[in-house]
Amino acid sequence: MKDAGNTGGAWLRKLVALMPPHEGAGARVDREAVERVWGVRFPSDYKDFVAVYGGGTIENYLYVAVPEVSGDARAGHMERLTDDAVGT
């Protein structure tokens, strides 16, 4: 788990105090590669949250996804297009 004191802001420290991440939480993501493959810049608060908590569900209510990049950049685009098609 990444230390919330070294990332994010006061909001993240407050959240960690209210909802401590479990042992081993947090996602190590190559942010530059993900943003390049997906063609978007993810908000810094989302990236900070994912660094501390990782992906998954919160109280079986809210799902937080962590974008992935496979070895083939085109496959990353295909995964996104497939997910978008299923969601519509």
N, C-alpha and C. Protein backbone atom coordinates (compact mmCIF):
# COMPACT_ATOMS: atom_id res chain seq x y z
N MET A 1 0.84 -1.18 0.00
CA MET A 1 0.00 0.00 0.00
C MET A 1 0.88 1.24 0.00
N LYS A 2 0.53 2.19 -0.80
CA LYS A 2 1.25 3.45 -0.83
C LYS A 2 0.78 4.30 0.35
N ASP A 3 1.69 5.02 0.95
CA ASP A 3 1.37 5.87 2.09
C ASP A 3 0.54 7.07 1.65
N ALA A 4 -0.63 7.22 2.23
CA ALA A 4 -1.52 8.34 1.86
C ALA A 4 -0.90 9.68 2.20
N GLY A 5 0.02 9.71 3.13
CA GLY A 5 0.67 10.97 3.48
C GLY A 5 1.59 11.48 2.38
N ASN A 6 2.03 10.57 1.51
CA ASN A 6 2.95 10.94 0.44
C ASN A 6 2.25 11.14 -0.89
N THR A 7 0.97 10.99 -0.93
CA THR A 7 0.21 11.14 -2.16
C THR A 7 -1.12 11.78 -1.84
N GLY A 8 -1.78 12.32 -2.83
CA GLY A 8 -3.10 12.89 -2.61
C GLY A 8 -3.04 14.14 -1.76
N GLY A 9 -4.10 14.37 -1.06
CA GLY A 9 -4.18 15.55 -0.22
C GLY A 9 -4.86 15.22 1.08
N ALA A 10 -5.37 16.26 1.72
CA ALA A 10 -6.05 16.10 3.00
C ALA A 10 -7.25 15.17 2.87
N TRP A 11 -7.95 15.23 1.73
CA TRP A 11 -9.13 14.37 1.54
C TRP A 11 -8.76 12.90 1.63
N LEU A 12 -7.60 12.53 1.09
CA LEU A 12 -7.19 11.12 1.11
C LEU A 12 -6.76 10.69 2.50
N ARG A 13 -6.08 11.56 3.21
CA ARG A 13 -5.70 11.23 4.60
C ARG A 13 -6.94 11.06 5.46
N LYS A 14 -7.95 11.90 5.26
CA LYS A 14 -9.21 11.77 6.01
C LYS A 14 -9.92 10.47 5.67
N LEU A 15 -9.92 10.12 4.39
CA LEU A 15 -10.57 8.88 3.96
C LEU A 15 -9.87 7.67 4.56
N VAL A 16 -8.55 7.67 4.56
CA VAL A 16 -7.79 6.56 5.13
C VAL A 16 -8.07 6.43 6.62
N ALA A 17 -8.26 7.55 7.31
CA ALA A 17 -8.59 7.51 8.74
C ALA A 17 -9.96 6.88 8.95
N LEU A 18 -10.91 7.14 8.04
CA LEU A 18 -12.26 6.60 8.16
C LEU A 18 -12.38 5.17 7.63
N MET A 19 -11.62 4.89 6.58
CA MET A 19 -11.71 3.60 5.91
C MET A 19 -10.29 3.12 5.57
N PRO A 20 -9.60 2.56 6.57
CA PRO A 20 -8.23 2.14 6.33
C PRO A 20 -8.16 1.05 5.26
N PRO A 21 -7.19 1.15 4.33
CA PRO A 21 -7.05 0.10 3.32
C PRO A 21 -6.54 -1.18 3.97
N HIS A 22 -6.93 -2.30 3.38
CA HIS A 22 -6.48 -3.59 3.92
C HIS A 22 -5.01 -3.81 3.57
N GLU A 23 -4.41 -4.73 4.27
CA GLU A 23 -3.00 -5.06 4.02
C GLU A 23 -2.82 -5.51 2.58
N GLY A 24 -1.85 -4.93 1.92
CA GLY A 24 -1.57 -5.30 0.53
C GLY A 24 -2.40 -4.53 -0.49
N ALA A 25 -3.22 -3.60 -0.02
CA ALA A 25 -4.04 -2.81 -0.94
C ALA A 25 -3.17 -1.86 -1.75
N GLY A 26 -3.73 -1.33 -2.78
CA GLY A 26 -3.01 -0.39 -3.64
C GLY A 26 -2.64 -1.06 -4.94
N ALA A 27 -2.61 -0.28 -5.99
CA ALA A 27 -2.28 -0.82 -7.30
C ALA A 27 -1.07 -0.11 -7.86
N ARG A 28 -0.14 -0.90 -8.34
CA ARG A 28 1.02 -0.34 -9.02
C ARG A 28 0.69 -0.32 -10.50
N VAL A 29 0.53 0.87 -11.01
CA VAL A 29 0.11 1.04 -12.40
C VAL A 29 1.12 1.93 -13.11
N ASP A 30 1.51 1.52 -14.30
CA ASP A 30 2.35 2.38 -15.13
C ASP A 30 1.44 3.44 -15.71
N ARG A 31 1.30 4.55 -15.00
CA ARG A 31 0.33 5.59 -15.36
C ARG A 31 0.55 6.12 -16.77
N GLU A 32 1.79 6.33 -17.14
CA GLU A 32 2.07 6.86 -18.48
C GLU A 32 1.62 5.88 -19.57
N ALA A 33 1.91 4.60 -19.39
CA ALA A 33 1.51 3.60 -20.38
C ALA A 33 -0.01 3.49 -20.47
N VAL A 34 -0.68 3.47 -19.33
CA VAL A 34 -2.14 3.37 -19.31
C VAL A 34 -2.76 4.57 -20.02
N GLU A 35 -2.30 5.74 -19.69
CA GLU A 35 -2.88 6.94 -20.31
C GLU A 35 -2.57 7.00 -21.81
N ARG A 36 -1.40 6.53 -22.19
CA ARG A 36 -1.05 6.51 -23.62
C ARG A 36 -1.95 5.53 -24.38
N VAL A 37 -2.11 4.32 -23.85
CA VAL A 37 -2.92 3.30 -24.52
C VAL A 37 -4.39 3.68 -24.54
N TRP A 38 -4.90 4.18 -23.44
CA TRP A 38 -6.31 4.52 -23.37
C TRP A 38 -6.61 5.87 -24.01
N GLY A 39 -5.60 6.67 -24.23
CA GLY A 39 -5.79 7.96 -24.89
C GLY A 39 -6.47 9.01 -24.04
N VAL A 40 -6.34 8.88 -22.72
CA VAL A 40 -6.94 9.84 -21.79
C VAL A 40 -5.97 10.11 -20.65
N ARG A 41 -6.19 11.21 -19.96
CA ARG A 41 -5.46 11.51 -18.73
C ARG A 41 -6.44 11.30 -17.59
N PHE A 42 -6.11 10.39 -16.70
CA PHE A 42 -6.98 10.13 -15.57
C PHE A 42 -6.79 11.21 -14.52
N PRO A 43 -7.86 11.59 -13.80
CA PRO A 43 -7.74 12.64 -12.77
C PRO A 43 -6.75 12.24 -11.68
N SER A 44 -6.03 13.21 -11.17
CA SER A 44 -5.01 12.92 -10.15
C SER A 44 -5.62 12.33 -8.88
N ASP A 45 -6.83 12.75 -8.50
CA ASP A 45 -7.43 12.19 -7.29
C ASP A 45 -7.77 10.71 -7.47
N TYR A 46 -8.18 10.33 -8.68
CA TYR A 46 -8.44 8.91 -8.98
C TYR A 46 -7.13 8.13 -8.89
N LYS A 47 -6.06 8.65 -9.48
CA LYS A 47 -4.77 7.95 -9.46
C LYS A 47 -4.25 7.82 -8.04
N ASP A 48 -4.43 8.84 -7.22
CA ASP A 48 -4.00 8.77 -5.82
C ASP A 48 -4.82 7.74 -5.05
N PHE A 49 -6.13 7.72 -5.29
CA PHE A 49 -7.01 6.76 -4.63
C PHE A 49 -6.59 5.33 -4.97
N VAL A 50 -6.38 5.07 -6.25
CA VAL A 50 -6.01 3.73 -6.71
C VAL A 50 -4.64 3.33 -6.16
N ALA A 51 -3.73 4.28 -6.04
CA ALA A 51 -2.41 3.97 -5.48
C ALA A 51 -2.51 3.49 -4.04
N VAL A 52 -3.48 4.00 -3.30
CA VAL A 52 -3.64 3.62 -1.89
C VAL A 52 -4.55 2.41 -1.73
N TYR A 53 -5.67 2.39 -2.44
CA TYR A 53 -6.68 1.34 -2.24
C TYR A 53 -6.69 0.25 -3.31
N GLY A 54 -6.26 0.57 -4.52
CA GLY A 54 -6.36 -0.39 -5.61
C GLY A 54 -7.78 -0.45 -6.13
N GLY A 55 -8.07 -1.47 -6.90
CA GLY A 55 -9.42 -1.64 -7.44
C GLY A 55 -10.23 -2.59 -6.59
N GLY A 56 -11.53 -2.64 -6.87
CA GLY A 56 -12.41 -3.55 -6.15
C GLY A 56 -13.70 -2.86 -5.75
N THR A 57 -14.39 -3.47 -4.81
CA THR A 57 -15.67 -2.91 -4.38
C THR A 57 -15.56 -2.34 -2.97
N ILE A 58 -16.41 -1.37 -2.72
CA ILE A 58 -16.51 -0.77 -1.39
C ILE A 58 -17.91 -1.07 -0.89
N GLU A 59 -17.97 -1.88 0.17
CA GLU A 59 -19.24 -2.26 0.79
C GLU A 59 -20.23 -2.85 -0.21
N ASN A 60 -19.72 -3.56 -1.22
CA ASN A 60 -20.57 -4.15 -2.26
C ASN A 60 -21.50 -3.13 -2.90
N TYR A 61 -21.07 -1.88 -2.92
CA TYR A 61 -21.90 -0.82 -3.47
C TYR A 61 -21.20 -0.09 -4.62
N LEU A 62 -19.94 0.27 -4.40
CA LEU A 62 -19.19 1.05 -5.37
C LEU A 62 -18.04 0.22 -5.90
N TYR A 63 -17.94 0.13 -7.22
CA TYR A 63 -16.84 -0.61 -7.84
C TYR A 63 -15.84 0.38 -8.41
N VAL A 64 -14.57 0.20 -8.05
CA VAL A 64 -13.49 1.04 -8.57
C VAL A 64 -12.63 0.16 -9.48
N ALA A 65 -12.57 0.53 -10.74
CA ALA A 65 -11.80 -0.23 -11.72
C ALA A 65 -10.41 0.38 -11.88
N VAL A 66 -9.45 -0.47 -12.13
CA VAL A 66 -8.09 -0.04 -12.43
C VAL A 66 -7.81 -0.44 -13.87
N PRO A 67 -7.55 0.52 -14.74
CA PRO A 67 -7.30 0.18 -16.14
C PRO A 67 -6.03 -0.64 -16.29
N GLU A 68 -6.07 -1.57 -17.22
CA GLU A 68 -4.92 -2.43 -17.46
C GLU A 68 -4.41 -2.22 -18.87
N VAL A 69 -3.17 -2.55 -19.06
CA VAL A 69 -2.56 -2.49 -20.37
C VAL A 69 -1.90 -3.84 -20.61
N SER A 70 -2.31 -4.49 -21.68
CA SER A 70 -1.67 -5.77 -22.01
C SER A 70 -0.38 -5.48 -22.77
N GLY A 71 0.33 -6.51 -23.15
CA GLY A 71 1.58 -6.33 -23.90
C GLY A 71 1.37 -5.68 -25.25
N ASP A 72 0.19 -5.83 -25.81
CA ASP A 72 -0.12 -5.26 -27.11
C ASP A 72 -1.04 -4.07 -26.91
N ALA A 73 -0.60 -2.88 -27.29
CA ALA A 73 -1.39 -1.67 -27.07
C ALA A 73 -2.76 -1.77 -27.71
N ARG A 74 -2.86 -2.42 -28.86
CA ARG A 74 -4.16 -2.56 -29.52
C ARG A 74 -5.11 -3.40 -28.68
N ALA A 75 -4.58 -4.38 -27.95
CA ALA A 75 -5.43 -5.22 -27.11
C ALA A 75 -6.07 -4.37 -26.02
N GLY A 76 -5.33 -3.39 -25.48
CA GLY A 76 -5.90 -2.50 -24.47
C GLY A 76 -7.09 -1.74 -25.02
N HIS A 77 -6.96 -1.28 -26.26
CA HIS A 77 -8.08 -0.59 -26.89
C HIS A 77 -9.25 -1.55 -27.11
N MET A 78 -8.96 -2.79 -27.47
CA MET A 78 -10.02 -3.77 -27.70
C MET A 78 -10.75 -4.08 -26.41
N GLU A 79 -10.03 -4.21 -25.31
CA GLU A 79 -10.68 -4.47 -24.03
C GLU A 79 -11.63 -3.34 -23.68
N ARG A 80 -11.18 -2.09 -23.91
CA ARG A 80 -12.02 -0.95 -23.60
C ARG A 80 -13.23 -0.92 -24.50
N LEU A 81 -13.05 -1.18 -25.79
CA LEU A 81 -14.19 -1.17 -26.72
C LEU A 81 -15.18 -2.26 -26.36
N THR A 82 -14.70 -3.42 -25.97
CA THR A 82 -15.58 -4.52 -25.58
C THR A 82 -16.38 -4.14 -24.35
N ASP A 83 -15.70 -3.59 -23.35
CA ASP A 83 -16.40 -3.18 -22.13
C ASP A 83 -17.43 -2.09 -22.42
N ASP A 84 -17.08 -1.14 -23.29
CA ASP A 84 -18.02 -0.09 -23.64
C ASP A 84 -19.24 -0.68 -24.34
N ALA A 85 -19.04 -1.65 -25.21
CA ALA A 85 -20.15 -2.24 -25.94
C ALA A 85 -21.08 -3.01 -24.99
N VAL A 86 -20.51 -3.68 -24.02
CA VAL A 86 -21.33 -4.42 -23.06
C VAL A 86 -22.14 -3.46 -22.20
N GLY A 87 -21.57 -2.31 -21.89
CA GLY A 87 -22.25 -1.34 -21.02
C GLY A 87 -23.37 -0.58 -21.71
N THR A 88 -23.46 -0.65 -23.04
CA THR A 88 -24.50 0.09 -23.76
C THR A 88 -25.69 -0.75 -24.12
